Every structure is written in C-alpha cells, then in structure tokens.
Amino acid sequence: MEKLLIIADDFTGALDTGIQFAAYGARTEIMTDTDMEFGDYPSAEVFIVDTETRHLPGPEAYDVVYRLARKAREAGITYLYKKTDSGLRGNIAQEIKAVLDASEESFLAFLPAFPEMHRIVKNGVSYIDGIPITESVFGQDPFEPVTCSRVKKLFGEYQNIVREYRCPEELEINRGEKQIAIFDASSDDDLKRTAEILQEKGRLRVLAGCAGFASAVTEYLPVFRHERKKETVRKPLLIMCGSINDISKKQIAYAKQAGISGITLTLEQQLQQGYLDTLQGKKLIAGIISTCVREGACMIDTQSEMERVNQYLGSQNRTLEEARVDIADRLGEILGEVIKGGLDATIMVIGGDTLIHFIKKVKCRQISLLCELDKGVVYSDMKLQGKHYKVISKSGGFGEEDLLVKLINLTEDKWEKGCGGNGGTILFEDARKCLLR
C-alpha cells in the first residue's frame, strides 16, 4: 500500500491540510511527536506530523524536518508533502530543502498558491487579495512579518536550484540535476492542471504547498476513497481567538457589531502568572461559562494594541516572543478550566499556537477529523477528559470578515454537512509524551 507523509510546521496547518485527505476518504493519522514510529500504524494511508518548527531558527527547523522525512523514507513512505503556510510565514526554504535532501530525490514541486482564499502566485510573486504579500496583513505581522513577495527569493542561498514556471507545460527536468520548481497558479484549475502534468511525468513523490494544492492533488495520489457521513454543528459555541492577525481582528469586530457577546482579555489576564487561581480569575471562568450558556455564543479575544503590549512587557522585563508563548499557554489554560467547569459546548480555536497549547493542557489523545465548514475551517471531534467535544479550528489568517457570524448562524439551524467518515480517525498514541509534558 502506498503511503503519504505530510509535514506541517504548526497544528492548524496540520489540520487544514489533513482534512483534505480525511474528507477524501484516506485513513489518516496525525501526530505531534516527531519520534513516532510509522510501523505502529499499519492501516494508515496518510500520516500528518506537526513539527512545531515555525518559530524555530532555520537550521534547527531543517534538522527536525530532515530527520522526520528521512525516517519516513526508511520506513517505506512513498510520498512526501511539505505543508507550507499560505502567508509564506515560517522556515519555508529550510524545511522544503530538508524534505528534498532527505528524500534522495532530485525534484520537488512547490505550489504555494491558495486561489480559493484569494492567494495566488503570478510571475513568481505571491499576492493576497490582489496585492503583493509584503503589503498585506502578513507583511505587518508583529511576530514574523513576511519580507519578500517574490517566492524564489525566500530561498536565499538555495536559489541556485530553484526554477520558476509560469505554467506546468514549461517544466524542464535535467537528469541528475537537483531542482525546486515553483509554479504559478491563479485558480484551482491551475493547481489541478499542474498536478495532472506532474503525475504524467512521474514527479509527485516530493511536493510542497499549502492546503490549496493538497486539495487539488488528492485525486492524483494513490489514496483510497471511503464512505462519507453527515455531521452537525450545535450550540452553544465558544470562540477562543489567540491570533493577532488583522484578518482575525476584523472577524471578531464584525461579530461584535452583529451583537455577538465577546470578552477581550486584559494584559494582566493574559500574562499575570497564576491569574486563574485568583478570585478574579475564577470569576472570569464562571463569566465565560454563564455567557456562553445564556446567549448561545461567546467570543474570547486578546486584541490589545501593540503599543500597550510593548509598554507592559517593558515594565515586566519580558520579550514579545515570551509573551507570544505565555498568551497561547494562558488561553489553553482558560479553555481547560472552562471544560473542567462543566461547559458542554462546541469550541472554536483561532490560531495554531493557541490550539496546540489547548490540546496539551487538556491532555487530548484522540481527534477525529470530520470535515471543512469553510475553506481552512476544520471541524473535528476531540476526546477531552473522558468526554467528546466538537472543535472548530482555523489559522488566524483564514476566512472572510463575516466568517464567525456565518458559523454562529449555522449552529442555530443545526446545519448538516457531508463529512469524511472512517477515513478521518486520528489517534495520538505516539504523541502522548508531547501532550503530557
């Protein structure tokens, strides 16, 4: 049986790409432990590993990804897919190069476009909503601003092996010459046409791209299709937004204007050590639970102005990077306490850092991917503290302004959507060391 490994650098990326194969019907396993053994999952067709390397230094990210990809090859995994951020954040060049090196193949196709999310590549330049990516919200990210719109330039010292193609028909491959091929794509048809030509040329073994290309390439890879079933989304809905991406900020603001109740955490609530053990912290948890039950939906966000954040951090002698980790950890704690407090709700988590901290806090060992509610918005079943919870997740940079309102309205009608059936079961047995840390 042919098998595929998808390597993602954050957890929402693992989910939004994994769902493309789970919904298609492939038996899919997802892990957060890079030391897992592929042989322990003989029935799996698609493995997805979240390496949590987005914020690591480039050389460290290369080493982590290289070791994992090498182990996969030695275990007989036939196909490798390096999932990249559609906003070109993270160690794009280092991780793609690591996968190519470890594979011992000479060719890797990279399609970073996600046309359905208005993210295209034209003449080698990445555009979001019609503007170069460096001029978009991703160029203004306070933690990891994208500094280059020309995709090839992201590869720095590796540019000598990078070639750009306006269309797949231009593809040239010289025997024995190592090549990373970057393809333009302005539509889903472009992605599918490239996948088709790569299949014809026998060049699908090592790939890179975001969830957009993953969706396009599923039918060209040897994965099996299984029966699909219906799933429901029910109230109440608790939305936890840990992202400070402008796209998420606008979604929260739009929902508040539409009358959805929201709580914006103060910097003290986000960063004060031991806050949830105080009387004020216990009142915060009780307030979240009561609001969610009473009104059917409640949003929690962290949208502090960066000037205030920097002033606060200066007074506490802490760095922005330390704050990023601590805030994600606090949001995970809040979600864990809300569940411990008895809230029976559908939970939505926005932002990969927040999601992985939440999973660690509640010691989640099993997730079943169900379907996409919207592009990049993944609906899952998670077993938490002995009970099953429905969880919606997305990257901070995904979705239209009215996305949250649309999701809340859908719960009112107990909206049903066709979802992946037995293909989406995900067991965290090899990830327990990570999750229990």
Protein backbone atom coordinates (compact mmCIF):
# COMPACT_ATOMS: atom_id res chain seq x y z
CA MET A 1 0.00 0.00 0.00
CA GLU A 2 1.35 3.42 -0.99
CA LYS A 3 1.62 5.91 1.87
CA LEU A 4 1.98 9.69 2.23
CA LEU A 5 3.61 11.82 4.93
CA ILE A 6 2.53 15.44 5.35
CA ILE A 7 4.90 17.59 7.42
CA ALA A 8 3.34 20.77 8.87
CA ASP A 9 5.06 23.43 10.95
CA ASP A 10 2.03 24.24 13.13
CA PHE A 11 -1.11 22.50 14.30
CA THR A 12 -3.80 24.35 12.36
CA GLY A 13 -1.72 23.73 9.25
CA ALA A 14 -1.67 20.03 10.03
CA LEU A 15 -5.45 20.01 10.39
CA ASP A 16 -6.41 22.14 7.39
CA THR A 17 -4.22 20.03 5.10
CA GLY A 18 -5.01 16.69 6.73
CA ILE A 19 -8.73 17.28 6.30
CA GLN A 20 -8.27 17.32 2.51
CA PHE A 21 -7.25 13.66 2.65
CA ALA A 22 -9.53 12.58 5.51
CA ALA A 23 -12.57 14.06 3.73
CA TYR A 24 -11.45 12.35 0.52
CA GLY A 25 -11.56 9.10 2.44
CA ALA A 26 -7.93 8.25 3.25
CA ARG A 27 -7.16 6.61 6.58
CA THR A 28 -5.34 9.45 8.25
CA GLU A 29 -3.18 9.67 11.38
CA ILE A 30 -1.97 12.93 12.94
CA MET A 31 0.84 13.27 15.48
CA THR A 32 2.77 15.96 17.29
CA ASP A 33 5.68 13.67 18.21
CA THR A 34 8.42 13.58 15.59
CA ASP A 35 9.86 10.47 17.27
CA MET A 36 6.77 8.41 16.39
CA GLU A 37 7.22 5.10 14.61
CA PHE A 38 5.39 4.73 11.30
CA GLY A 39 5.28 0.97 11.68
CA ASP A 40 2.94 1.28 14.66
CA TYR A 41 0.14 2.31 12.29
CA PRO A 42 -0.04 -0.40 9.63
CA SER A 43 -3.52 0.57 8.36
CA ALA A 44 -2.74 4.29 7.92
CA GLU A 45 -2.53 5.69 4.40
CA VAL A 46 -1.73 9.31 5.27
CA PHE A 47 0.44 10.48 8.17
CA ILE A 48 0.40 14.12 9.27
CA VAL A 49 3.06 15.31 11.70
CA ASP A 50 3.05 18.75 13.30
CA THR A 51 6.71 19.57 13.94
CA GLU A 52 6.03 22.93 15.69
CA THR A 53 9.04 24.38 13.84
CA ARG A 54 7.54 27.64 12.58
CA HIS A 55 9.19 29.72 15.30
CA LEU A 56 12.49 27.82 15.47
CA PRO A 57 15.74 29.16 13.98
CA GLY A 58 16.16 28.00 10.37
CA PRO A 59 18.98 25.46 10.96
CA GLU A 60 17.04 23.82 13.81
CA ALA A 61 13.91 23.60 11.67
CA TYR A 62 15.95 21.99 8.88
CA ASP A 63 17.30 19.34 11.25
CA VAL A 64 13.89 18.44 12.70
CA VAL A 65 12.25 18.14 9.28
CA TYR A 66 15.21 16.31 7.71
CA ARG A 67 15.23 13.64 10.44
CA LEU A 68 11.48 13.09 10.15
CA ALA A 69 11.49 12.91 6.34
CA ARG A 70 14.49 10.57 6.41
CA LYS A 71 12.77 8.28 8.90
CA ALA A 72 9.70 8.23 6.65
CA ARG A 73 11.75 7.20 3.64
CA GLU A 74 13.47 4.45 5.62
CA ALA A 75 10.03 3.23 6.75
CA GLY A 76 8.92 2.90 3.14
CA ILE A 77 6.74 6.03 2.93
CA THR A 78 6.47 6.66 -0.82
CA TYR A 79 5.21 10.24 -0.97
CA LEU A 80 6.26 13.36 0.97
CA TYR A 81 4.31 16.62 1.18
CA LYS A 82 5.81 19.63 2.97
CA LYS A 83 2.86 21.73 4.06
CA THR A 84 3.73 25.45 3.94
CA ASP A 85 1.88 28.49 5.25
CA SER A 86 -0.21 30.21 2.56
CA GLY A 87 1.01 33.52 4.01
CA LEU A 88 4.64 32.37 3.49
CA ARG A 89 5.44 32.53 7.21
CA GLY A 90 7.92 30.20 8.88
CA ASN A 91 11.08 28.49 7.67
CA ILE A 92 9.82 27.86 4.13
CA ALA A 93 13.18 27.43 2.39
CA GLN A 94 14.94 25.42 5.10
CA GLU A 95 12.10 22.95 5.54
CA ILE A 96 11.50 22.40 1.83
CA LYS A 97 15.22 21.87 1.28
CA ALA A 98 15.28 19.42 4.21
CA VAL A 99 12.50 17.32 2.68
CA LEU A 100 14.19 17.27 -0.72
CA ASP A 101 17.57 16.32 0.76
CA ALA A 102 16.12 13.58 2.96
CA SER A 103 14.06 12.11 0.13
CA GLU A 104 17.15 11.48 -2.04
CA GLU A 105 15.02 12.60 -4.98
CA SER A 106 16.27 15.30 -7.35
CA PHE A 107 12.98 17.14 -7.90
CA LEU A 108 10.42 18.88 -5.68
CA ALA A 109 7.34 20.78 -6.93
CA PHE A 110 6.25 23.77 -4.82
CA LEU A 111 2.83 25.36 -5.31
CA PRO A 112 2.30 27.99 -2.60
CA ALA A 113 -0.93 29.44 -4.06
CA PHE A 114 -4.37 29.04 -2.45
CA PRO A 115 -6.71 30.61 -5.04
CA GLU A 116 -9.91 29.82 -3.13
CA MET A 117 -8.58 32.05 -0.33
CA HIS A 118 -7.59 34.79 -2.85
CA ARG A 119 -3.90 33.89 -2.54
CA ILE A 120 -2.25 33.42 -5.90
CA VAL A 121 1.22 33.31 -7.44
CA LYS A 122 1.70 35.21 -10.69
CA ASN A 123 5.06 35.67 -12.44
CA GLY A 124 6.68 34.21 -9.34
CA VAL A 125 5.15 36.82 -6.99
CA SER A 126 2.75 35.95 -4.17
CA TYR A 127 -0.41 38.07 -3.98
CA ILE A 128 -3.16 38.20 -1.36
CA ASP A 129 -6.41 39.91 -2.34
CA GLY A 130 -4.64 41.39 -5.36
CA ILE A 131 -1.69 42.99 -3.55
CA PRO A 132 1.86 41.68 -3.02
CA ILE A 133 2.04 39.68 0.18
CA THR A 134 4.55 42.07 1.80
CA GLU A 135 1.94 44.83 1.55
CA SER A 136 -0.78 42.63 3.09
CA VAL A 137 -1.51 41.85 6.74
CA PHE A 138 1.21 39.19 6.59
CA GLY A 139 3.80 41.86 5.93
CA GLN A 140 2.67 43.63 9.10
CA ASP A 141 2.72 40.62 11.41
CA PRO A 142 4.46 41.74 14.67
CA PHE A 143 6.00 38.31 15.28
CA GLU A 144 7.02 37.11 11.81
CA PRO A 145 6.41 39.70 9.08
CA VAL A 146 6.83 38.40 5.53
CA THR A 147 9.58 40.47 3.93
CA CYS A 148 9.62 39.13 0.38
CA SER A 149 6.80 38.77 -2.19
CA ARG A 150 8.96 37.02 -4.80
CA VAL A 151 8.74 33.39 -3.71
CA LYS A 152 12.13 32.40 -5.13
CA LYS A 153 13.94 35.00 -3.02
CA LEU A 154 12.74 33.26 0.14
CA PHE A 155 15.22 30.51 -0.69
CA GLY A 156 18.29 32.70 -0.20
CA GLU A 157 21.41 30.55 -0.54
CA TYR A 158 19.38 27.79 -2.18
CA GLN A 159 18.21 29.94 -5.11
CA ASN A 160 20.67 28.25 -7.45
CA ILE A 161 18.48 25.12 -7.50
CA VAL A 162 15.16 26.99 -7.73
CA ARG A 163 13.35 27.42 -11.05
CA GLU A 164 10.16 29.35 -11.71
CA TYR A 165 7.42 28.23 -14.10
CA ARG A 166 4.51 30.30 -15.38
CA CYS A 167 2.69 27.10 -16.43
CA PRO A 168 3.39 23.37 -15.93
CA GLU A 169 3.87 22.77 -19.65
CA GLU A 170 7.16 24.70 -19.38
CA LEU A 171 8.63 22.16 -16.94
CA GLU A 172 12.16 21.06 -17.79
CA ILE A 173 13.98 18.35 -15.88
CA ASN A 174 17.62 17.52 -16.40
CA ARG A 175 18.73 14.09 -15.21
CA GLY A 176 20.81 14.27 -12.04
CA GLU A 177 20.16 18.00 -11.52
CA LYS A 178 18.53 18.91 -8.21
CA GLN A 179 15.57 21.25 -8.68
CA ILE A 180 12.91 23.01 -6.60
CA ALA A 181 10.22 24.02 -9.10
CA ILE A 182 7.92 26.92 -8.16
CA PHE A 183 4.71 27.06 -10.20
CA ASP A 184 2.36 29.97 -10.74
CA ALA A 185 -1.34 29.35 -10.00
CA SER A 186 -4.26 31.78 -10.13
CA SER A 187 -7.12 29.26 -9.95
CA ASP A 188 -7.97 25.81 -8.68
CA ASP A 189 -7.86 24.63 -12.28
CA ASP A 190 -4.23 25.78 -12.46
CA LEU A 191 -3.41 23.68 -9.39
CA LYS A 192 -5.15 20.61 -10.82
CA ARG A 193 -3.52 21.02 -14.23
CA THR A 194 -0.09 21.17 -12.61
CA ALA A 195 -0.88 18.08 -10.51
CA GLU A 196 -2.01 16.25 -13.66
CA ILE A 197 1.18 17.06 -15.55
CA LEU A 198 3.36 16.16 -12.57
CA GLN A 199 1.57 12.81 -12.43
CA GLU A 200 2.17 12.24 -16.15
CA LYS A 201 5.88 12.92 -15.65
CA GLY A 202 6.10 10.79 -12.51
CA ARG A 203 7.01 13.79 -10.33
CA LEU A 204 4.53 13.59 -7.44
CA ARG A 205 6.81 11.86 -4.94
CA VAL A 206 8.06 15.03 -3.24
CA LEU A 207 5.74 18.05 -3.06
CA ALA A 208 5.28 21.28 -1.13
CA GLY A 209 2.45 23.74 -0.81
CA CYS A 210 -0.46 24.78 1.38
CA ALA A 211 -3.90 23.23 1.80
CA GLY A 212 -4.94 24.53 -1.62
CA PHE A 213 -2.55 22.30 -3.55
CA ALA A 214 -3.18 19.43 -1.12
CA SER A 215 -6.87 19.57 -2.04
CA ALA A 216 -6.05 19.60 -5.76
CA VAL A 217 -3.56 16.74 -5.66
CA THR A 218 -5.64 14.22 -3.65
CA GLU A 219 -7.17 12.60 -6.73
CA TYR A 220 -3.75 12.17 -8.36
CA LEU A 221 -2.18 10.32 -5.42
CA PRO A 222 -2.84 6.63 -4.69
CA VAL A 223 -5.04 7.10 -1.59
CA PHE A 224 -8.33 5.27 -1.09
CA ARG A 225 -11.81 6.77 -1.00
CA HIS A 226 -14.16 5.65 1.78
CA GLU A 227 -17.79 6.31 2.69
CA ARG A 228 -18.77 9.80 3.92
CA LYS A 229 -21.32 10.68 6.58
CA LYS A 230 -23.28 13.66 7.92
CA GLU A 231 -22.20 15.73 10.91
CA THR A 232 -23.96 18.51 12.83
CA VAL A 233 -22.74 21.74 14.41
CA ARG A 234 -24.61 22.62 17.60
CA LYS A 235 -24.86 25.46 20.11
CA PRO A 236 -23.55 26.79 22.39
CA LEU A 237 -20.38 27.93 20.61
CA LEU A 238 -17.33 29.22 22.49
CA ILE A 239 -14.82 31.03 20.26
CA MET A 240 -11.25 31.50 21.53
CA CYS A 241 -9.12 33.79 19.36
CA GLY A 242 -5.41 33.81 20.12
CA SER A 243 -4.40 35.27 16.76
CA ILE A 244 -3.46 38.93 16.34
CA ASN A 245 -3.65 38.72 12.56
CA ASP A 246 -5.70 41.62 11.16
CA ILE A 247 -7.99 39.13 9.40
CA SER A 248 -8.98 37.60 12.74
CA LYS A 249 -9.30 41.04 14.33
CA LYS A 250 -11.77 42.08 11.65
CA GLN A 251 -13.75 38.86 12.10
CA ILE A 252 -14.06 39.46 15.85
CA ALA A 253 -15.01 43.11 15.34
CA TYR A 254 -17.64 42.20 12.73
CA ALA A 255 -19.19 39.62 15.06
CA LYS A 256 -19.31 42.09 17.96
CA GLN A 257 -21.05 44.63 15.72
CA ALA A 258 -23.56 41.91 14.85
CA GLY A 259 -24.39 41.56 18.55
CA ILE A 260 -22.32 38.51 19.49
CA SER A 261 -21.09 38.73 23.07
CA GLY A 262 -17.35 38.98 23.49
CA ILE A 263 -14.76 39.30 26.25
CA THR A 264 -11.45 40.98 25.46
CA LEU A 265 -8.84 39.80 27.94
CA THR A 266 -6.73 42.43 29.65
CA LEU A 267 -2.95 42.13 29.54
CA GLU A 268 -2.99 41.08 33.18
CA GLN A 269 -5.49 38.33 32.41
CA GLN A 270 -3.30 37.18 29.55
CA LEU A 271 0.11 37.38 31.19
CA GLN A 272 -0.11 37.60 35.00
CA GLN A 273 1.32 34.44 36.50
CA GLY A 274 -1.23 32.43 38.46
CA TYR A 275 -4.10 34.71 37.45
CA LEU A 276 -6.63 31.91 37.04
CA ASP A 277 -6.05 30.83 40.65
CA THR A 278 -7.13 34.25 41.95
CA LEU A 279 -10.71 35.23 42.82
CA GLN A 280 -10.80 37.43 39.70
CA GLY A 281 -9.60 34.51 37.58
CA LYS A 282 -12.31 32.21 38.92
CA LYS A 283 -14.92 34.90 38.21
CA LEU A 284 -13.62 35.17 34.65
CA ILE A 285 -14.10 31.42 34.06
CA ALA A 286 -17.58 31.50 35.63
CA GLY A 287 -18.50 34.50 33.48
CA ILE A 288 -17.40 32.79 30.28
CA ILE A 289 -19.45 29.70 31.09
CA SER A 290 -22.59 31.62 32.04
CA THR A 291 -22.41 33.93 28.99
CA CYS A 292 -21.94 31.03 26.62
CA VAL A 293 -24.86 29.06 28.06
CA ARG A 294 -27.18 32.08 28.35
CA GLU A 295 -26.56 33.58 24.92
CA GLY A 296 -25.61 30.54 22.87
CA ALA A 297 -22.28 32.02 21.74
CA CYS A 298 -19.36 33.83 23.35
CA MET A 299 -16.04 35.10 21.95
CA ILE A 300 -12.78 35.49 23.88
CA ASP A 301 -10.02 37.54 22.27
CA THR A 302 -6.67 39.15 23.10
CA GLN A 303 -6.80 42.23 20.91
CA SER A 304 -4.58 44.64 22.81
CA GLU A 305 -2.85 47.48 20.98
CA MET A 306 0.80 46.64 20.31
CA GLU A 307 1.96 49.92 21.89
CA ARG A 308 0.29 48.95 25.17
CA VAL A 309 1.64 45.41 24.90
CA ASN A 310 5.20 46.67 24.47
CA GLN A 311 4.81 49.08 27.40
CA TYR A 312 3.52 46.29 29.62
CA LEU A 313 6.28 43.90 28.58
CA GLY A 314 8.89 46.59 29.22
CA SER A 315 7.59 47.08 32.75
CA GLN A 316 7.77 43.31 33.31
CA ASN A 317 11.17 42.90 31.59
CA ARG A 318 9.75 40.33 29.16
CA THR A 319 10.18 39.89 25.42
CA LEU A 320 7.50 39.77 22.73
CA GLU A 321 8.41 36.15 21.95
CA GLU A 322 7.99 35.18 25.62
CA ALA A 323 4.61 36.91 25.60
CA ARG A 324 3.51 35.01 22.49
CA VAL A 325 4.16 31.68 24.19
CA ASP A 326 2.69 32.76 27.54
CA ILE A 327 -0.51 34.11 25.98
CA ALA A 328 -1.07 30.92 23.99
CA ASP A 329 -0.47 28.95 27.17
CA ARG A 330 -2.95 31.10 29.14
CA LEU A 331 -5.66 30.69 26.50
CA GLY A 332 -5.13 26.93 26.63
CA GLU A 333 -5.49 27.11 30.42
CA ILE A 334 -8.73 29.08 30.14
CA LEU A 335 -10.24 26.55 27.74
CA GLY A 336 -9.16 23.73 30.03
CA GLU A 337 -10.76 25.41 33.06
CA VAL A 338 -13.99 26.11 31.15
CA ILE A 339 -14.27 22.43 30.24
CA LYS A 340 -13.44 21.43 33.81
CA GLY A 341 -16.21 23.81 34.91
CA GLY A 342 -18.73 21.73 33.02
CA LEU A 343 -19.36 23.74 29.86
CA ASP A 344 -20.79 21.45 27.18
CA ALA A 345 -20.21 23.46 24.02
CA THR A 346 -18.74 23.41 20.55
CA ILE A 347 -15.33 25.05 20.87
CA MET A 348 -13.69 27.14 18.15
CA VAL A 349 -9.97 27.89 18.39
CA ILE A 350 -8.37 30.51 16.13
CA GLY A 351 -4.58 30.33 15.81
CA GLY A 352 -2.19 27.38 15.73
CA ASP A 353 -0.25 28.34 18.87
CA THR A 354 -3.48 28.54 20.89
CA LEU A 355 -4.71 25.21 19.54
CA ILE A 356 -1.59 23.21 20.35
CA HIS A 357 -1.41 24.68 23.88
CA PHE A 358 -5.09 23.83 24.40
CA ILE A 359 -4.51 20.23 23.30
CA LYS A 360 -1.56 19.89 25.67
CA LYS A 361 -3.46 21.41 28.60
CA VAL A 362 -6.44 19.08 28.30
CA LYS A 363 -4.25 16.05 27.51
CA CYS A 364 -6.16 15.25 24.34
CA ARG A 365 -5.24 11.81 22.99
CA GLN A 366 -7.72 11.33 20.20
CA ILE A 367 -9.01 13.57 17.43
CA SER A 368 -11.24 12.63 14.52
CA LEU A 369 -11.25 15.00 11.56
CA LEU A 370 -14.82 15.37 10.31
CA CYS A 371 -14.99 17.97 7.52
CA GLU A 372 -14.34 21.56 6.46
CA LEU A 373 -17.10 24.01 7.39
CA ASP A 374 -15.46 26.65 5.22
CA LYS A 375 -12.15 26.66 3.39
CA GLY A 376 -9.45 26.21 6.01
CA VAL A 377 -12.03 25.90 8.82
CA VAL A 378 -11.74 22.35 10.18
CA TYR A 379 -14.43 20.56 12.20
CA SER A 380 -13.18 17.80 14.49
CA ASP A 381 -14.25 15.53 17.33
CA MET A 382 -11.86 15.55 20.28
CA LYS A 383 -11.92 13.30 23.31
CA LEU A 384 -11.22 15.55 26.31
CA GLN A 385 -11.29 14.44 29.94
CA GLY A 386 -13.40 11.41 29.12
CA LYS A 387 -15.98 13.28 27.01
CA HIS A 388 -16.27 14.04 23.31
CA TYR A 389 -16.26 17.69 22.20
CA LYS A 390 -16.73 19.12 18.75
CA VAL A 391 -13.91 21.56 17.95
CA ILE A 392 -13.65 24.04 15.09
CA SER A 393 -10.18 25.34 14.23
CA LYS A 394 -8.60 27.70 11.74
CA SER A 395 -5.47 29.70 11.12
CA GLY A 396 -5.63 33.34 12.12
CA GLY A 397 -5.15 34.42 8.51
CA PHE A 398 -8.11 32.50 7.03
CA GLY A 399 -11.69 33.48 6.27
CA GLU A 400 -13.91 36.34 5.20
CA GLU A 401 -14.87 39.13 7.58
CA ASP A 402 -18.30 37.61 8.31
CA LEU A 403 -16.99 34.07 8.92
CA LEU A 404 -17.74 33.91 12.66
CA VAL A 405 -21.27 35.24 12.22
CA LYS A 406 -21.90 32.68 9.48
CA LEU A 407 -20.71 29.84 11.73
CA ILE A 408 -22.84 31.03 14.64
CA ASN A 409 -25.89 31.28 12.40
CA LEU A 410 -25.26 27.79 11.09
CA THR A 411 -25.42 26.36 14.60
CA GLU A 412 -28.91 27.81 15.06
CA ASP A 413 -30.24 25.57 12.29
CA LYS A 414 -28.19 22.53 13.38
CA TRP A 415 -26.56 22.76 9.98
CA GLU A 416 -25.50 19.49 8.40
CA LYS A 417 -22.59 18.99 6.04
CA GLY A 418 -21.22 15.92 4.31
CA CYS A 419 -18.07 14.90 6.11
CA GLY A 420 -15.36 12.30 5.99
CA GLY A 421 -16.34 9.05 7.63
CA ASN A 422 -13.98 6.31 8.77
CA GLY A 423 -11.10 7.95 6.92
CA GLY A 424 -10.60 10.69 9.49
CA THR A 425 -9.81 8.87 12.73
CA ILE A 426 -6.70 10.28 14.36
CA LEU A 427 -5.05 8.66 17.34
CA PHE A 428 -2.44 10.40 19.45
CA GLU A 429 -0.92 7.28 20.95
CA ASP A 430 2.63 8.15 19.88
CA ALA A 431 2.13 11.79 20.78
CA ARG A 432 1.39 11.18 24.46
CA LYS A 433 4.90 12.12 25.58
CA CYS A 434 4.44 15.53 23.97
CA LEU A 435 0.87 16.07 25.15
CA LEU A 436 1.56 15.07 28.74
CA ARG A 437 4.57 17.35 29.14
